[in-house]
Amino acid sequence: MIVPADLVLHVVTDKHELLALMLREWGSHKMMIDLHTYDVAEIDALGLYTEAGETAALASWTLRDDTAYLCALHSLIPGEGVAIRMLNEVIWAARRARAKKLRAMLTNDNIPGLTFYQRRGFRLSALYPEAIDVYRSVIPSIIKTGYRDIPVHDALELEMEL
Protein backbone atom coordinates (compact mmCIF):
# COMPACT_ATOMS: atom_id res chain seq x y z
CA MET A 1 0.00 0.00 0.00
CA ILE A 2 1.26 3.46 -0.91
CA VAL A 3 0.97 6.22 1.68
CA PRO A 4 0.65 9.50 -0.28
CA ALA A 5 2.43 11.46 2.48
CA ASP A 6 5.51 9.25 2.01
CA LEU A 7 5.87 10.10 -1.68
CA VAL A 8 8.62 12.49 -2.73
CA LEU A 9 7.79 15.52 -4.89
CA HIS A 10 10.14 16.52 -7.72
CA VAL A 11 10.03 19.03 -10.53
CA VAL A 12 10.00 16.92 -13.70
CA THR A 13 12.75 17.94 -16.10
CA ASP A 14 12.81 14.79 -18.24
CA LYS A 15 9.27 14.65 -19.59
CA HIS A 16 9.59 11.50 -21.71
CA GLU A 17 7.45 9.43 -19.32
CA LEU A 18 4.74 12.10 -19.10
CA LEU A 19 4.64 12.60 -22.87
CA ALA A 20 4.45 8.85 -23.52
CA LEU A 21 1.62 8.54 -21.01
CA MET A 22 -0.31 11.36 -22.64
CA LEU A 23 0.16 9.93 -26.12
CA ARG A 24 -1.07 6.55 -24.90
CA GLU A 25 -4.08 7.95 -23.02
CA TRP A 26 -5.18 10.83 -25.30
CA GLY A 27 -3.25 10.52 -28.51
CA SER A 28 -1.50 13.88 -28.01
CA HIS A 29 0.67 15.74 -25.54
CA LYS A 30 -0.98 19.02 -26.47
CA MET A 31 -3.92 20.12 -24.36
CA MET A 32 -6.48 22.83 -24.90
CA ILE A 33 -7.72 24.84 -21.92
CA ASP A 34 -9.63 28.09 -22.08
CA LEU A 35 -9.39 27.74 -25.89
CA HIS A 36 -5.60 28.03 -25.68
CA THR A 37 -3.30 25.17 -26.64
CA TYR A 38 -0.51 24.05 -24.29
CA ASP A 39 2.23 21.63 -25.22
CA VAL A 40 3.04 19.64 -22.10
CA ALA A 41 6.61 19.25 -23.36
CA GLU A 42 7.07 23.00 -22.91
CA ILE A 43 5.40 23.74 -19.54
CA ASP A 44 6.08 22.95 -15.89
CA ALA A 45 5.58 19.43 -14.59
CA LEU A 46 5.63 17.89 -11.14
CA GLY A 47 5.98 14.26 -10.16
CA LEU A 48 5.42 12.17 -7.07
CA TYR A 49 7.78 9.24 -6.60
CA THR A 50 8.19 6.34 -4.21
CA GLU A 51 11.39 6.05 -2.18
CA ALA A 52 12.54 3.48 -4.77
CA GLY A 53 12.15 6.12 -7.51
CA GLU A 54 9.03 4.66 -9.10
CA THR A 55 6.58 7.17 -10.53
CA ALA A 56 3.33 7.45 -8.59
CA ALA A 57 1.80 10.54 -10.26
CA LEU A 58 2.58 13.23 -12.82
CA ALA A 59 1.02 16.62 -13.44
CA SER A 60 1.69 19.48 -15.84
CA TRP A 61 0.60 23.04 -15.32
CA THR A 62 1.35 26.58 -16.36
CA LEU A 63 0.54 30.14 -15.39
CA ARG A 64 -0.98 32.80 -17.64
CA ASP A 65 -1.74 36.16 -16.07
CA ASP A 66 -3.28 35.37 -12.66
CA THR A 67 -4.70 31.97 -13.66
CA ALA A 68 -2.96 28.62 -13.36
CA TYR A 69 -3.90 25.94 -15.89
CA LEU A 70 -3.74 22.27 -14.96
CA CYS A 71 -3.04 20.57 -18.27
CA ALA A 72 -2.72 16.97 -17.12
CA LEU A 73 -2.85 14.97 -13.91
CA HIS A 74 -2.12 11.25 -13.94
CA SER A 75 -2.06 8.94 -10.95
CA LEU A 76 -0.36 5.66 -11.72
CA ILE A 77 -1.59 4.20 -8.43
CA PRO A 78 -5.39 4.50 -8.35
CA GLY A 79 -7.44 4.40 -5.19
CA GLU A 80 -4.66 5.29 -2.77
CA GLY A 81 -5.07 9.08 -2.55
CA VAL A 82 -2.11 9.76 -4.83
CA ALA A 83 -4.12 11.90 -7.27
CA ILE A 84 -5.39 14.01 -4.36
CA ARG A 85 -1.84 14.58 -3.15
CA MET A 86 -0.72 15.47 -6.70
CA LEU A 87 -3.57 17.96 -7.10
CA ASN A 88 -2.70 19.51 -3.74
CA GLU A 89 0.91 19.94 -4.86
CA VAL A 90 -0.24 21.73 -8.03
CA ILE A 91 -2.55 23.96 -5.98
CA TRP A 92 0.31 24.88 -3.64
CA ALA A 93 2.65 25.57 -6.56
CA ALA A 94 0.01 27.77 -8.22
CA ARG A 95 -0.54 29.69 -4.99
CA ARG A 96 3.22 30.21 -4.61
CA ALA A 97 3.17 31.61 -8.16
CA ARG A 98 0.45 34.04 -6.98
CA ALA A 99 -2.31 32.54 -9.13
CA LYS A 100 -5.83 33.51 -8.11
CA LYS A 101 -7.58 30.69 -9.96
CA LEU A 102 -6.82 27.17 -11.15
CA ARG A 103 -8.52 25.86 -14.28
CA ALA A 104 -8.73 22.36 -15.67
CA MET A 105 -10.30 21.06 -18.87
CA LEU A 106 -11.96 17.67 -19.17
CA THR A 107 -13.53 15.86 -22.07
CA ASN A 108 -17.22 14.98 -21.90
CA ASP A 109 -16.48 11.30 -21.27
CA ASN A 110 -14.34 11.85 -18.18
CA ILE A 111 -16.97 11.15 -15.55
CA PRO A 112 -14.43 10.01 -12.93
CA GLY A 113 -12.42 13.21 -13.48
CA LEU A 114 -15.51 15.39 -13.23
CA THR A 115 -16.35 13.75 -9.90
CA PHE A 116 -12.76 14.03 -8.65
CA TYR A 117 -12.40 17.75 -9.36
CA GLN A 118 -15.84 18.77 -8.10
CA ARG A 119 -15.27 16.92 -4.83
CA ARG A 120 -12.13 19.01 -4.38
CA GLY A 121 -13.76 22.39 -4.84
CA PHE A 122 -13.74 22.94 -8.60
CA ARG A 123 -16.87 24.37 -10.21
CA LEU A 124 -18.00 24.12 -13.81
CA SER A 125 -17.04 27.34 -15.56
CA ALA A 126 -17.57 26.66 -19.27
CA LEU A 127 -18.83 24.16 -21.80
CA TYR A 128 -17.30 24.01 -25.26
CA PRO A 129 -19.57 21.85 -27.49
CA GLU A 130 -17.69 20.03 -30.26
CA ALA A 131 -14.36 21.56 -29.15
CA ILE A 132 -12.61 18.19 -29.24
CA ASP A 133 -13.98 17.52 -32.74
CA VAL A 134 -12.46 20.81 -33.90
CA TYR A 135 -9.19 20.09 -32.10
CA ARG A 136 -9.13 16.59 -33.61
CA SER A 137 -9.22 18.18 -37.08
CA VAL A 138 -5.79 19.64 -36.23
CA ILE A 139 -4.47 16.59 -34.35
CA PRO A 140 -6.23 13.51 -35.80
CA SER A 141 -4.63 11.13 -33.28
CA ILE A 142 -6.81 12.40 -30.41
CA ILE A 143 -8.99 9.57 -29.12
CA LYS A 144 -12.54 9.27 -30.46
CA THR A 145 -13.99 7.23 -27.61
CA GLY A 146 -13.04 7.36 -23.96
CA TYR A 147 -14.36 6.24 -20.61
CA ARG A 148 -16.85 3.40 -21.00
CA ASP A 149 -16.77 3.89 -24.78
CA ILE A 150 -18.39 7.33 -24.55
CA PRO A 151 -17.76 9.32 -27.78
CA VAL A 152 -15.42 12.24 -27.08
CA HIS A 153 -16.72 15.49 -28.60
CA ASP A 154 -17.00 18.27 -26.01
CA ALA A 155 -14.80 20.01 -23.46
CA LEU A 156 -15.81 20.97 -19.94
CA GLU A 157 -13.86 23.63 -18.09
CA LEU A 158 -13.65 23.60 -14.32
CA GLU A 159 -12.23 26.28 -12.08
CA MET A 160 -11.44 26.89 -8.43
CA GLU A 161 -10.52 30.02 -6.53
CA LEU A 162 -7.12 29.88 -4.88
C-alpha atoms as a PDB file:
ATOM      1  CA  MET A   1       0.000   0.000   0.000  1.00  0.00           C
ATOM      2  CA  ILE A   2       1.259   3.462  -0.909  1.00  0.00           C
ATOM      3  CA  VAL A   3       0.972   6.218   1.684  1.00  0.00           C
ATOM      4  CA  PRO A   4       0.650   9.496  -0.281  1.00  0.00           C
ATOM      5  CA  ALA A   5       2.431  11.462   2.482  1.00  0.00           C
ATOM      6  CA  ASP A   6       5.508   9.249   2.009  1.00  0.00           C
ATOM      7  CA  LEU A   7       5.867  10.104  -1.679  1.00  0.00           C
ATOM      8  CA  VAL A   8       8.619  12.486  -2.734  1.00  0.00           C
ATOM      9  CA  LEU A   9       7.788  15.516  -4.893  1.00  0.00           C
ATOM     10  CA  HIS A  10      10.139  16.517  -7.716  1.00  0.00           C
ATOM     11  CA  VAL A  11      10.031  19.026 -10.526  1.00  0.00           C
ATOM     12  CA  VAL A  12      10.004  16.917 -13.699  1.00  0.00           C
ATOM     13  CA  THR A  13      12.752  17.936 -16.098  1.00  0.00           C
ATOM     14  CA  ASP A  14      12.811  14.790 -18.236  1.00  0.00           C
ATOM     15  CA  LYS A  15       9.268  14.647 -19.592  1.00  0.00           C
ATOM     16  CA  HIS A  16       9.585  11.499 -21.706  1.00  0.00           C
ATOM     17  CA  GLU A  17       7.452   9.428 -19.319  1.00  0.00           C
ATOM     18  CA  LEU A  18       4.740  12.102 -19.100  1.00  0.00           C
ATOM     19  CA  LEU A  19       4.639  12.603 -22.868  1.00  0.00           C
ATOM     20  CA  ALA A  20       4.448   8.849 -23.523  1.00  0.00           C
ATOM     21  CA  LEU A  21       1.624   8.543 -21.011  1.00  0.00           C
ATOM     22  CA  MET A  22      -0.314  11.364 -22.643  1.00  0.00           C
ATOM     23  CA  LEU A  23       0.159   9.930 -26.124  1.00  0.00           C
ATOM     24  CA  ARG A  24      -1.066   6.551 -24.904  1.00  0.00           C
ATOM     25  CA  GLU A  25      -4.082   7.946 -23.023  1.00  0.00           C
ATOM     26  CA  TRP A  26      -5.182  10.832 -25.303  1.00  0.00           C
ATOM     27  CA  GLY A  27      -3.246  10.517 -28.514  1.00  0.00           C
ATOM     28  CA  SER A  28      -1.505  13.880 -28.009  1.00  0.00           C
ATOM     29  CA  HIS A  29       0.672  15.741 -25.536  1.00  0.00           C
ATOM     30  CA  LYS A  30      -0.981  19.023 -26.474  1.00  0.00           C
ATOM     31  CA  MET A  31      -3.919  20.118 -24.359  1.00  0.00           C
ATOM     32  CA  MET A  32      -6.484  22.829 -24.905  1.00  0.00           C
ATOM     33  CA  ILE A  33      -7.716  24.839 -21.923  1.00  0.00           C
ATOM     34  CA  ASP A  34      -9.631  28.088 -22.082  1.00  0.00           C
ATOM     35  CA  LEU A  35      -9.395  27.745 -25.890  1.00  0.00           C
ATOM     36  CA  HIS A  36      -5.603  28.032 -25.679  1.00  0.00           C
ATOM     37  CA  THR A  37      -3.297  25.165 -26.644  1.00  0.00           C
ATOM     38  CA  TYR A  38      -0.510  24.053 -24.294  1.00  0.00           C
ATOM     39  CA  ASP A  39       2.235  21.629 -25.221  1.00  0.00           C
ATOM     40  CA  VAL A  40       3.041  19.638 -22.101  1.00  0.00           C
ATOM     41  CA  ALA A  41       6.610  19.246 -23.362  1.00  0.00           C
ATOM     42  CA  GLU A  42       7.069  23.004 -22.906  1.00  0.00           C
ATOM     43  CA  ILE A  43       5.401  23.739 -19.542  1.00  0.00           C
ATOM     44  CA  ASP A  44       6.076  22.952 -15.886  1.00  0.00           C
ATOM     45  CA  ALA A  45       5.582  19.431 -14.594  1.00  0.00           C
ATOM     46  CA  LEU A  46       5.626  17.886 -11.142  1.00  0.00           C
ATOM     47  CA  GLY A  47       5.979  14.257 -10.161  1.00  0.00           C
ATOM     48  CA  LEU A  48       5.418  12.165  -7.065  1.00  0.00           C
ATOM     49  CA  TYR A  49       7.775   9.242  -6.600  1.00  0.00           C
ATOM     50  CA  THR A  50       8.193   6.341  -4.212  1.00  0.00           C
ATOM     51  CA  GLU A  51      11.390   6.048  -2.181  1.00  0.00           C
ATOM     52  CA  ALA A  52      12.536   3.477  -4.770  1.00  0.00           C
ATOM     53  CA  GLY A  53      12.150   6.118  -7.510  1.00  0.00           C
ATOM     54  CA  GLU A  54       9.026   4.664  -9.105  1.00  0.00           C
ATOM     55  CA  THR A  55       6.579   7.174 -10.535  1.00  0.00           C
ATOM     56  CA  ALA A  56       3.325   7.451  -8.592  1.00  0.00           C
ATOM     57  CA  ALA A  57       1.800  10.539 -10.261  1.00  0.00           C
ATOM     58  CA  LEU A  58       2.584  13.228 -12.819  1.00  0.00           C
ATOM     59  CA  ALA A  59       1.024  16.617 -13.439  1.00  0.00           C
ATOM     60  CA  SER A  60       1.692  19.477 -15.838  1.00  0.00           C
ATOM     61  CA  TRP A  61       0.602  23.040 -15.318  1.00  0.00           C
ATOM     62  CA  THR A  62       1.355  26.584 -16.360  1.00  0.00           C
ATOM     63  CA  LEU A  63       0.537  30.140 -15.393  1.00  0.00           C
ATOM     64  CA  ARG A  64      -0.981  32.797 -17.636  1.00  0.00           C
ATOM     65  CA  ASP A  65      -1.742  36.159 -16.066  1.00  0.00           C
ATOM     66  CA  ASP A  66      -3.283  35.365 -12.663  1.00  0.00           C
ATOM     67  CA  THR A  67      -4.697  31.968 -13.661  1.00  0.00           C
ATOM     68  CA  ALA A  68      -2.960  28.618 -13.360  1.00  0.00           C
ATOM     69  CA  TYR A  69      -3.903  25.940 -15.885  1.00  0.00           C
ATOM     70  CA  LEU A  70      -3.740  22.271 -14.962  1.00  0.00           C
ATOM     71  CA  CYS A  71      -3.038  20.570 -18.273  1.00  0.00           C
ATOM     72  CA  ALA A  72      -2.722  16.972 -17.116  1.00  0.00           C
ATOM     73  CA  LEU A  73      -2.853  14.968 -13.913  1.00  0.00           C
ATOM     74  CA  HIS A  74      -2.118  11.247 -13.936  1.00  0.00           C
ATOM     75  CA  SER A  75      -2.059   8.941 -10.951  1.00  0.00           C
ATOM     76  CA  LEU A  76      -0.363   5.661 -11.723  1.00  0.00           C
ATOM     77  CA  ILE A  77      -1.585   4.204  -8.428  1.00  0.00           C
ATOM     78  CA  PRO A  78      -5.386   4.502  -8.354  1.00  0.00           C
ATOM     79  CA  GLY A  79      -7.445   4.398  -5.193  1.00  0.00           C
ATOM     80  CA  GLU A  80      -4.655   5.294  -2.768  1.00  0.00           C
ATOM     81  CA  GLY A  81      -5.068   9.075  -2.552  1.00  0.00           C
ATOM     82  CA  VAL A  82      -2.105   9.758  -4.828  1.00  0.00           C
ATOM     83  CA  ALA A  83      -4.123  11.900  -7.270  1.00  0.00           C
ATOM     84  CA  ILE A  84      -5.394  14.010  -4.363  1.00  0.00           C
ATOM     85  CA  ARG A  85      -1.841  14.578  -3.152  1.00  0.00           C
ATOM     86  CA  MET A  86      -0.716  15.468  -6.697  1.00  0.00           C
ATOM     87  CA  LEU A  87      -3.567  17.955  -7.101  1.00  0.00           C
ATOM     88  CA  ASN A  88      -2.704  19.512  -3.742  1.00  0.00           C
ATOM     89  CA  GLU A  89       0.913  19.939  -4.863  1.00  0.00           C
ATOM     90  CA  VAL A  90      -0.241  21.727  -8.029  1.00  0.00           C
ATOM     91  CA  ILE A  91      -2.551  23.962  -5.977  1.00  0.00           C
ATOM     92  CA  TRP A  92       0.312  24.881  -3.640  1.00  0.00           C
ATOM     93  CA  ALA A  93       2.651  25.569  -6.565  1.00  0.00           C
ATOM     94  CA  ALA A  94       0.007  27.766  -8.217  1.00  0.00           C
ATOM     95  CA  ARG A  95      -0.537  29.691  -4.987  1.00  0.00           C
ATOM     96  CA  ARG A  96       3.222  30.212  -4.611  1.00  0.00           C
ATOM     97  CA  ALA A  97       3.175  31.613  -8.155  1.00  0.00           C
ATOM     98  CA  ARG A  98       0.448  34.039  -6.981  1.00  0.00           C
ATOM     99  CA  ALA A  99      -2.307  32.543  -9.129  1.00  0.00           C
ATOM    100  CA  LYS A 100      -5.826  33.510  -8.109  1.00  0.00           C
ATOM    101  CA  LYS A 101      -7.583  30.685  -9.959  1.00  0.00           C
ATOM    102  CA  LEU A 102      -6.819  27.175 -11.148  1.00  0.00           C
ATOM    103  CA  ARG A 103      -8.515  25.858 -14.280  1.00  0.00           C
ATOM    104  CA  ALA A 104      -8.733  22.357 -15.670  1.00  0.00           C
ATOM    105  CA  MET A 105     -10.305  21.060 -18.872  1.00  0.00           C
ATOM    106  CA  LEU A 106     -11.955  17.668 -19.169  1.00  0.00           C
ATOM    107  CA  THR A 107     -13.529  15.864 -22.068  1.00  0.00           C
ATOM    108  CA  ASN A 108     -17.217  14.984 -21.904  1.00  0.00           C
ATOM    109  CA  ASP A 109     -16.476  11.297 -21.273  1.00  0.00           C
ATOM    110  CA  ASN A 110     -14.345  11.849 -18.182  1.00  0.00           C
ATOM    111  CA  ILE A 111     -16.975  11.153 -15.545  1.00  0.00           C
ATOM    112  CA  PRO A 112     -14.426  10.013 -12.927  1.00  0.00           C
ATOM    113  CA  GLY A 113     -12.415  13.213 -13.477  1.00  0.00           C
ATOM    114  CA  LEU A 114     -15.510  15.388 -13.229  1.00  0.00           C
ATOM    115  CA  THR A 115     -16.355  13.753  -9.900  1.00  0.00           C
ATOM    116  CA  PHE A 116     -12.760  14.031  -8.646  1.00  0.00           C
ATOM    117  CA  TYR A 117     -12.399  17.746  -9.364  1.00  0.00           C
ATOM    118  CA  GLN A 118     -15.845  18.767  -8.095  1.00  0.00           C
ATOM    119  CA  ARG A 119     -15.268  16.915  -4.827  1.00  0.00           C
ATOM    120  CA  ARG A 120     -12.126  19.007  -4.383  1.00  0.00           C
ATOM    121  CA  GLY A 121     -13.758  22.393  -4.839  1.00  0.00           C
ATOM    122  CA  PHE A 122     -13.735  22.941  -8.601  1.00  0.00           C
ATOM    123  CA  ARG A 123     -16.869  24.373 -10.205  1.00  0.00           C
ATOM    124  CA  LEU A 124     -17.999  24.122 -13.812  1.00  0.00           C
ATOM    125  CA  SER A 125     -17.043  27.345 -15.560  1.00  0.00           C
ATOM    126  CA  ALA A 126     -17.572  26.659 -19.275  1.00  0.00           C
ATOM    127  CA  LEU A 127     -18.831  24.157 -21.801  1.00  0.00           C
ATOM    128  CA  TYR A 128     -17.305  24.006 -25.264  1.00  0.00           C
ATOM    129  CA  PRO A 129     -19.569  21.855 -27.487  1.00  0.00           C
ATOM    130  CA  GLU A 130     -17.691  20.034 -30.262  1.00  0.00           C
ATOM    131  CA  ALA A 131     -14.356  21.562 -29.147  1.00  0.00           C
ATOM    132  CA  ILE A 132     -12.613  18.186 -29.239  1.00  0.00           C
ATOM    133  CA  ASP A 133     -13.978  17.516 -32.738  1.00  0.00           C
ATOM    134  CA  VAL A 134     -12.460  20.807 -33.900  1.00  0.00           C
ATOM    135  CA  TYR A 135      -9.193  20.093 -32.097  1.00  0.00           C
ATOM    136  CA  ARG A 136      -9.131  16.586 -33.608  1.00  0.00           C
ATOM    137  CA  SER A 137      -9.217  18.177 -37.080  1.00  0.00           C
ATOM    138  CA  VAL A 138      -5.791  19.644 -36.230  1.00  0.00           C
ATOM    139  CA  ILE A 139      -4.471  16.586 -34.350  1.00  0.00           C
ATOM    140  CA  PRO A 140      -6.226  13.514 -35.804  1.00  0.00           C
ATOM    141  CA  SER A 141      -4.633  11.132 -33.278  1.00  0.00           C
ATOM    142  CA  ILE A 142      -6.813  12.398 -30.409  1.00  0.00           C
ATOM    143  CA  ILE A 143      -8.987   9.567 -29.123  1.00  0.00           C
ATOM    144  CA  LYS A 144     -12.539   9.271 -30.455  1.00  0.00           C
ATOM    145  CA  THR A 145     -13.986   7.235 -27.613  1.00  0.00           C
ATOM    146  CA  GLY A 146     -13.044   7.363 -23.961  1.00  0.00           C
ATOM    147  CA  TYR A 147     -14.361   6.240 -20.606  1.00  0.00           C
ATOM    148  CA  ARG A 148     -16.851   3.404 -20.997  1.00  0.00           C
ATOM    149  CA  ASP A 149     -16.774   3.894 -24.779  1.00  0.00           C
ATOM    150  CA  ILE A 150     -18.387   7.334 -24.553  1.00  0.00           C
ATOM    151  CA  PRO A 151     -17.759   9.317 -27.775  1.00  0.00           C
ATOM    152  CA  VAL A 152     -15.419  12.240 -27.083  1.00  0.00           C
ATOM    153  CA  HIS A 153     -16.721  15.493 -28.599  1.00  0.00           C
ATOM    154  CA  ASP A 154     -17.003  18.266 -26.015  1.00  0.00           C
ATOM    155  CA  ALA A 155     -14.801  20.005 -23.460  1.00  0.00           C
ATOM    156  CA  LEU A 156     -15.806  20.966 -19.936  1.00  0.00           C
ATOM    157  CA  GLU A 157     -13.860  23.628 -18.091  1.00  0.00           C
ATOM    158  CA  LEU A 158     -13.651  23.600 -14.317  1.00  0.00           C
ATOM    159  CA  GLU A 159     -12.229  26.281 -12.078  1.00  0.00           C
ATOM    160  CA  MET A 160     -11.443  26.887  -8.429  1.00  0.00           C
ATOM    161  CA  GLU A 161     -10.522  30.021  -6.529  1.00  0.00           C
ATOM    162  CA  LEU A 162      -7.121  29.878  -4.882  1.00  0.00           C
END
